[in-house]
């Protein structure tokens, strides 16, 4: 598979309003105990959809914890268990808020859920320190069409996992995926920094698929699969989060605290592993201030400060990616 992205300076961007999913995502619960077959489906189609596989108790706890944050902000009524929006605006910059800290970790590391992640990965799993919490009110502006792997180079063999904490039918939105398009490399437009949006005509319109999701489902999205959240046309919050899992024995991504920086290197304290220095060059994907924006290499030493918590992805002594940590 080629990892080469596109470069089309004048191409119009693919917008969510351009996407009209006509295909239905397919459940593959029957392949869960046949890892080779599961991976064949994943590589061919670009996703794994598993129905009702997460611990119900863990889902209920996580939902209650996220609803508690919404309640504190007045976005849902006290004691509401359905997530009905009160009409009060909810901050749009909460995806990596400390208010949600720990919710994803507790759910994924529930013993039953870790066993599930081991089946998906084919070996004992741990979380990549990268979590985004999604609490989208009716009519919320969602993100853009993207491929996770484009923004996270160097994380080998990780699996992006999207989990909804409430039932999420088509009216509420949920994820739409371009099925089978994971085999064509990256579609992001290198001619349009800093977000590198995907051109409108890059992805066949008939490849888009979605489904009615249920709390307890797990959706694993291939790093090369184009996807996006669809608009929420209900009266309730769409409450979900996405994270990634990786090999527990040989993790590619680690959380670290910045100790010092030079124009061409970074020294970090890696949790329980001590200090390590990595070389940083123009090829490193640097997004230490905002997870969605790639910084210029020339600015690296000025914007990367001691005390920052980062995800470090490396190849030997070279940093491949430096990203603001979201360890929640």
Protein backbone atom coordinates (compact mmCIF):
# COMPACT_ATOMS: atom_id res chain seq x y z
CA UNK A 1 0.00 0.00 0.00
CA UNK A 2 1.31 3.44 -0.87
CA UNK A 3 1.32 6.00 1.93
CA UNK A 4 1.73 8.90 -0.49
CA UNK A 5 -0.85 11.64 0.01
CA UNK A 6 -2.25 14.00 -2.65
CA UNK A 7 -1.14 17.47 -3.69
CA UNK A 8 -3.86 19.35 -5.59
CA UNK A 9 -3.68 23.08 -4.75
CA UNK A 10 -7.02 24.15 -6.27
CA UNK A 11 -9.14 21.15 -5.34
CA UNK A 12 -12.34 21.93 -3.39
CA UNK A 13 -12.53 20.26 0.01
CA UNK A 14 -14.73 17.25 0.77
CA UNK A 15 -17.40 18.45 3.19
CA UNK A 16 -19.63 16.37 5.44
CA UNK A 17 -22.63 17.71 3.52
CA UNK A 18 -21.23 15.94 0.44
CA UNK A 19 -21.55 12.53 2.10
CA UNK A 20 -24.75 10.48 1.82
CA UNK A 21 -24.08 6.94 3.10
CA UNK A 22 -26.15 4.35 1.25
CA UNK A 23 -24.31 1.22 2.37
CA UNK A 24 -24.73 -0.67 5.64
CA UNK A 25 -21.76 -1.59 7.82
CA UNK A 26 -21.54 -5.33 8.46
CA UNK A 27 -21.22 -6.93 11.89
CA UNK A 28 -18.40 -9.46 12.18
CA UNK A 29 -19.01 -10.94 15.63
CA UNK A 30 -18.81 -14.38 14.04
CA UNK A 31 -15.11 -13.78 13.22
CA UNK A 32 -14.06 -12.72 16.70
CA UNK A 33 -12.51 -16.08 17.57
CA UNK A 34 -10.75 -16.42 14.20
CA UNK A 35 -8.13 -13.69 14.25
CA UNK A 36 -6.77 -14.43 10.77
CA UNK A 37 -10.25 -14.15 9.24
CA UNK A 38 -10.97 -11.03 11.29
CA UNK A 39 -7.83 -9.36 9.93
CA UNK A 40 -8.67 -10.37 6.36
CA UNK A 41 -12.02 -8.61 6.69
CA UNK A 42 -10.34 -5.60 8.31
CA UNK A 43 -7.70 -5.29 5.60
CA UNK A 44 -10.24 -5.73 2.81
CA UNK A 45 -12.98 -3.43 4.13
CA UNK A 46 -11.17 -1.04 6.45
CA UNK A 47 -13.18 -1.62 9.62
CA UNK A 48 -14.41 -4.11 12.21
CA UNK A 49 -17.90 -3.70 13.67
CA UNK A 50 -18.67 -5.79 16.74
CA UNK A 51 -22.15 -5.70 18.23
CA UNK A 52 -22.88 -5.72 21.98
CA UNK A 53 -19.40 -6.86 23.00
CA UNK A 54 -18.37 -4.35 25.67
CA UNK A 55 -19.14 -4.91 29.33
CA UNK A 56 -22.60 -3.41 30.01
CA UNK A 57 -21.51 -2.26 33.46
CA UNK A 58 -18.50 -0.43 32.03
CA UNK A 59 -20.65 1.29 29.40
CA UNK A 60 -23.23 2.36 31.99
CA UNK A 61 -20.53 3.75 34.29
CA UNK A 62 -18.81 5.69 31.50
CA UNK A 63 -22.12 7.09 30.26
CA UNK A 64 -23.05 8.23 33.77
CA UNK A 65 -19.62 9.87 34.18
CA UNK A 66 -19.89 11.76 30.89
CA UNK A 67 -23.48 12.77 31.61
CA UNK A 68 -22.28 14.17 34.95
CA UNK A 69 -20.00 16.57 33.06
CA UNK A 70 -22.87 17.62 30.79
CA UNK A 71 -25.07 18.15 33.85
CA UNK A 72 -22.46 20.36 35.55
CA UNK A 73 -22.47 22.58 32.48
CA UNK A 74 -26.28 22.74 32.40
CA UNK A 75 -26.40 21.01 29.02
CA UNK A 76 -28.72 18.27 30.32
CA UNK A 77 -31.18 18.38 33.20
CA UNK A 78 -30.21 17.02 36.63
CA UNK A 79 -30.74 13.27 36.77
CA UNK A 80 -31.42 12.96 33.03
CA UNK A 81 -30.47 9.48 31.83
CA UNK A 82 -31.29 10.08 28.14
CA UNK A 83 -28.99 13.00 27.42
CA UNK A 84 -31.71 15.36 26.19
CA UNK A 85 -30.22 18.75 25.40
CA UNK A 86 -31.51 21.67 27.48
CA UNK A 87 -30.55 24.16 24.77
CA UNK A 88 -27.70 25.63 26.80
CA UNK A 89 -24.51 25.78 24.72
CA UNK A 90 -21.87 23.20 25.58
CA UNK A 91 -18.22 24.24 25.09
CA UNK A 92 -16.84 23.09 21.76
CA UNK A 93 -13.29 22.52 22.96
CA UNK A 94 -13.94 19.74 25.47
CA UNK A 95 -12.69 16.72 23.52
CA UNK A 96 -9.52 16.43 25.58
CA UNK A 97 -10.79 18.17 28.72
CA UNK A 98 -9.51 17.05 32.12
CA UNK A 99 -13.17 16.94 33.21
CA UNK A 100 -13.44 13.63 31.33
CA UNK A 101 -10.09 12.29 32.52
CA UNK A 102 -10.01 8.59 33.31
CA UNK A 103 -13.37 7.64 31.79
CA UNK A 104 -11.93 5.97 28.70
CA UNK A 105 -9.12 4.27 30.60
CA UNK A 106 -11.52 2.74 33.12
CA UNK A 107 -13.73 1.41 30.33
CA UNK A 108 -11.00 0.00 28.10
CA UNK A 109 -9.10 -1.52 31.01
CA UNK A 110 -12.16 -3.27 32.40
CA UNK A 111 -10.99 -6.92 32.47
CA UNK A 112 -13.71 -8.12 30.10
CA UNK A 113 -13.02 -5.30 27.65
CA UNK A 114 -9.27 -5.91 27.73
CA UNK A 115 -9.92 -9.52 26.73
CA UNK A 116 -11.94 -8.22 23.80
CA UNK A 117 -9.13 -5.86 22.77
CA UNK A 118 -6.69 -8.78 22.95
CA UNK A 119 -8.85 -10.71 20.49
CA UNK A 120 -8.98 -7.71 18.17
CA UNK A 121 -5.24 -7.08 18.34
CA UNK A 122 -4.16 -10.72 18.43
CA UNK A 123 -2.01 -10.14 21.52
CA UNK A 124 -2.28 -8.45 24.93
CA UNK A 125 -3.31 -4.83 24.41
CA UNK A 126 -2.78 -1.48 26.07
CA UNK A 127 -4.09 1.99 25.28
CA UNK A 128 -2.28 4.51 23.17
CA UNK A 129 -2.26 7.69 25.34
CA UNK A 130 -4.60 9.43 22.94
CA UNK A 131 -8.32 9.86 23.70
CA UNK A 132 -10.94 12.26 22.32
CA UNK A 133 -14.27 12.56 24.10
CA UNK A 134 -17.27 13.44 21.95
CA UNK A 135 -20.33 15.10 23.47
CA UNK A 136 -22.13 16.63 20.51
CA UNK A 137 -25.37 18.55 20.94
CA UNK A 138 -28.07 18.55 18.26
CA UNK A 139 -26.88 20.56 15.27
CA UNK A 140 -23.26 20.50 16.40
CA UNK A 141 -20.56 21.13 13.83
CA UNK A 142 -18.57 17.93 13.51
CA UNK A 143 -14.98 17.61 12.40
CA UNK A 144 -13.79 16.94 8.89
CA UNK A 145 -13.35 13.83 6.81
CA UNK A 146 -9.98 12.37 7.70
CA UNK A 147 -7.74 9.32 8.00
CA UNK A 148 -6.29 8.73 11.47
CA UNK A 149 -3.02 7.33 10.20
CA UNK A 150 -2.16 10.51 8.31
CA UNK A 151 -2.00 12.45 11.57
CA UNK A 152 -0.31 9.68 13.57
CA UNK A 153 2.72 8.43 11.60
CA UNK A 154 4.92 5.79 13.17
CA UNK A 155 2.34 4.10 15.38
CA UNK A 156 2.66 0.58 14.03
CA UNK A 157 -0.15 -1.95 14.26
CA UNK A 158 -2.40 0.14 16.48
CA UNK A 159 -6.17 -0.08 16.17
CA UNK A 160 -8.37 3.03 16.41
CA UNK A 161 -11.49 2.21 18.46
CA UNK A 162 -14.73 4.23 18.47
CA UNK A 163 -17.22 3.52 21.26
CA UNK A 164 -20.67 5.05 21.62
CA UNK A 165 -22.05 5.24 25.16
CA UNK A 166 -25.64 5.75 24.01
CA UNK A 167 -27.69 4.20 21.25
CA UNK A 168 -26.85 6.19 18.15
CA UNK A 169 -29.13 5.76 15.15
CA UNK A 170 -28.76 7.52 11.82
CA UNK A 171 -30.81 10.49 13.03
CA UNK A 172 -28.31 11.08 15.82
CA UNK A 173 -25.38 10.62 13.45
CA UNK A 174 -22.51 8.33 14.28
CA UNK A 175 -19.55 7.50 12.11
CA UNK A 176 -19.66 7.08 8.35
CA UNK A 177 -16.81 5.16 6.70
CA UNK A 178 -15.59 4.87 3.12
CA UNK A 179 -15.54 1.07 2.86
CA UNK A 180 -12.53 -0.45 1.10
CA UNK A 181 -10.80 2.89 0.58
CA UNK A 182 -8.11 1.97 3.12
CA UNK A 183 -6.24 0.21 0.31
CA UNK A 184 -5.50 3.38 -1.68
CA UNK A 185 -3.08 5.24 0.59
CA UNK A 186 -3.73 8.72 1.99
CA UNK A 187 -6.16 11.18 0.43
CA UNK A 188 -5.10 14.22 2.45
CA UNK A 189 -4.10 17.19 0.35
CA UNK A 190 -0.51 18.21 1.09
CA UNK A 191 -1.12 21.45 -0.81
CA UNK A 192 -3.54 22.63 1.90
CA UNK A 193 -1.73 22.92 5.24
CA UNK A 194 -2.14 22.93 8.17
CA UNK A 195 -5.18 20.59 8.19
CA UNK A 196 -4.53 18.96 4.77
CA UNK A 197 -8.22 18.50 3.95
CA UNK A 198 -9.30 15.73 1.57
CA UNK A 199 -10.35 16.79 -1.98
CA UNK A 200 -14.03 16.46 -2.81
CA UNK A 201 -13.63 14.01 -5.70
CA UNK A 202 -10.97 11.77 -4.13
CA UNK A 203 -13.35 9.21 -2.61
CA UNK A 204 -16.10 7.36 -4.55
CA UNK A 205 -19.51 8.52 -3.35
CA UNK A 206 -20.87 4.97 -3.32
CA UNK A 207 -18.22 3.74 -0.86
CA UNK A 208 -19.74 5.52 2.13
CA UNK A 209 -21.51 3.38 4.75
CA UNK A 210 -22.94 3.73 8.23
CA UNK A 211 -25.37 1.93 10.55
CA UNK A 212 -27.55 2.32 13.63
CA UNK A 213 -25.08 1.91 16.50
CA UNK A 214 -25.94 0.66 19.96
CA UNK A 215 -24.28 1.22 23.32
CA UNK A 216 -21.93 -1.72 23.80
CA UNK A 217 -20.84 -1.86 20.15
CA UNK A 218 -17.18 -1.40 19.24
CA UNK A 219 -16.07 0.00 15.88
CA UNK A 220 -12.44 -0.44 14.88
CA UNK A 221 -11.45 1.88 12.02
CA UNK A 222 -8.39 1.14 9.88
CA UNK A 223 -5.82 4.00 10.11
CA UNK A 224 -6.16 4.49 6.33
CA UNK A 225 -9.98 4.47 6.25
CA UNK A 226 -11.57 7.87 5.50
CA UNK A 227 -14.32 8.57 8.00
CA UNK A 228 -16.32 11.33 9.68
CA UNK A 229 -19.08 11.92 12.19
CA UNK A 230 -22.46 12.65 10.63
CA UNK A 231 -24.76 15.48 11.78
CA UNK A 232 -26.85 15.00 14.92
CA UNK A 233 -30.47 15.55 13.97
CA UNK A 234 -31.94 14.29 17.26
CA UNK A 235 -32.79 16.18 20.47
CA UNK A 236 -30.14 14.32 22.49
CA UNK A 237 -26.39 14.52 22.93
CA UNK A 238 -24.30 12.08 20.93
CA UNK A 239 -21.92 10.79 23.59
CA UNK A 240 -18.93 8.69 22.56
CA UNK A 241 -15.18 8.60 22.62
CA UNK A 242 -12.41 7.28 20.45
CA UNK A 243 -9.06 5.94 21.46
CA UNK A 244 -6.46 3.51 20.14
CA UNK A 245 -5.07 0.23 21.39
CA UNK A 246 -1.60 -1.16 20.71
CA UNK A 247 0.69 -4.00 21.71
CA UNK A 248 1.26 -4.08 25.46
CA UNK A 249 4.58 -5.86 24.95
CA UNK A 250 5.96 -3.56 22.24
CA UNK A 251 4.09 -0.23 22.39
CA UNK A 252 4.88 2.22 19.60
CA UNK A 253 3.54 5.27 21.41
CA UNK A 254 4.44 6.35 24.94
CA UNK A 255 3.41 9.23 27.17
CA UNK A 256 6.25 11.45 28.35
CA UNK A 257 7.03 14.76 30.04
CA UNK A 258 9.29 17.23 28.24
CA UNK A 259 12.51 17.93 30.15
CA UNK A 260 14.47 20.03 27.64
CA UNK A 261 14.53 20.98 23.97
CA UNK A 262 17.12 22.03 21.39
CA UNK A 263 16.39 22.99 17.75
CA UNK A 264 17.11 19.38 16.73
CA UNK A 265 16.32 17.25 19.77
CA UNK A 266 13.99 16.64 22.67
CA UNK A 267 14.70 15.06 26.05
CA UNK A 268 11.72 13.54 27.83
CA UNK A 269 10.93 11.61 30.98
CA UNK A 270 9.09 8.49 29.90
CA UNK A 271 6.87 7.12 32.62
CA UNK A 272 8.67 4.30 34.48
CA UNK A 273 11.44 4.19 31.85
CA UNK A 274 13.55 7.20 32.71
CA UNK A 275 14.92 10.01 30.54
CA UNK A 276 15.57 9.63 26.84
CA UNK A 277 16.70 12.01 24.11
CA UNK A 278 15.32 11.83 20.56
CA UNK A 279 16.49 13.54 17.41
CA UNK A 280 13.87 15.78 15.77
CA UNK A 281 13.98 16.65 12.05
CA UNK A 282 11.76 18.15 9.36
CA UNK A 283 9.99 14.83 8.77
CA UNK A 284 8.73 14.62 12.36
CA UNK A 285 4.97 15.21 12.60
CA UNK A 286 4.84 17.89 15.29
CA UNK A 287 1.53 18.87 16.91
CA UNK A 288 2.43 19.74 20.46
CA UNK A 289 -0.10 22.58 20.90
CA UNK A 290 -3.17 21.40 18.99
CA UNK A 291 -3.85 17.78 18.02
CA UNK A 292 -5.28 18.82 14.66
CA UNK A 293 -2.56 21.19 13.44
CA UNK A 294 0.91 20.28 12.24
CA UNK A 295 3.52 22.80 13.39
CA UNK A 296 6.44 24.04 11.31
CA UNK A 297 9.73 22.35 12.17
CA UNK A 298 11.37 25.76 12.41
CA UNK A 299 9.05 26.63 15.32
CA UNK A 300 9.63 23.39 17.22
CA UNK A 301 12.15 24.63 19.81
CA UNK A 302 10.12 27.76 20.59
CA UNK A 303 6.73 26.14 21.09
CA UNK A 304 7.78 22.93 22.85
CA UNK A 305 8.20 23.72 26.53
CA UNK A 306 9.50 21.78 29.55
CA UNK A 307 6.63 20.25 31.50
CA UNK A 308 4.48 19.54 28.44
CA UNK A 309 2.91 16.09 28.34
CA UNK A 310 3.39 14.56 24.90
CA UNK A 311 2.87 11.33 23.02
CA UNK A 312 6.22 10.31 21.58
CA UNK A 313 6.40 7.91 18.66
CA UNK A 314 9.92 6.95 17.68
CA UNK A 315 12.06 4.84 15.37
CA UNK A 316 15.27 4.17 17.24
CA UNK A 317 16.56 7.53 18.48
CA UNK A 318 14.48 9.56 16.01
CA UNK A 319 11.12 11.07 16.91
CA UNK A 320 8.56 10.30 14.21
CA UNK A 321 5.67 12.11 15.91
CA UNK A 322 5.30 14.46 18.87
CA UNK A 323 1.70 15.08 19.87
CA UNK A 324 -0.05 16.78 22.73
CA UNK A 325 -1.01 13.95 25.08
CA UNK A 326 -4.63 13.06 25.77
CA UNK A 327 -4.25 10.31 28.31
CA UNK A 328 -7.82 10.17 29.64
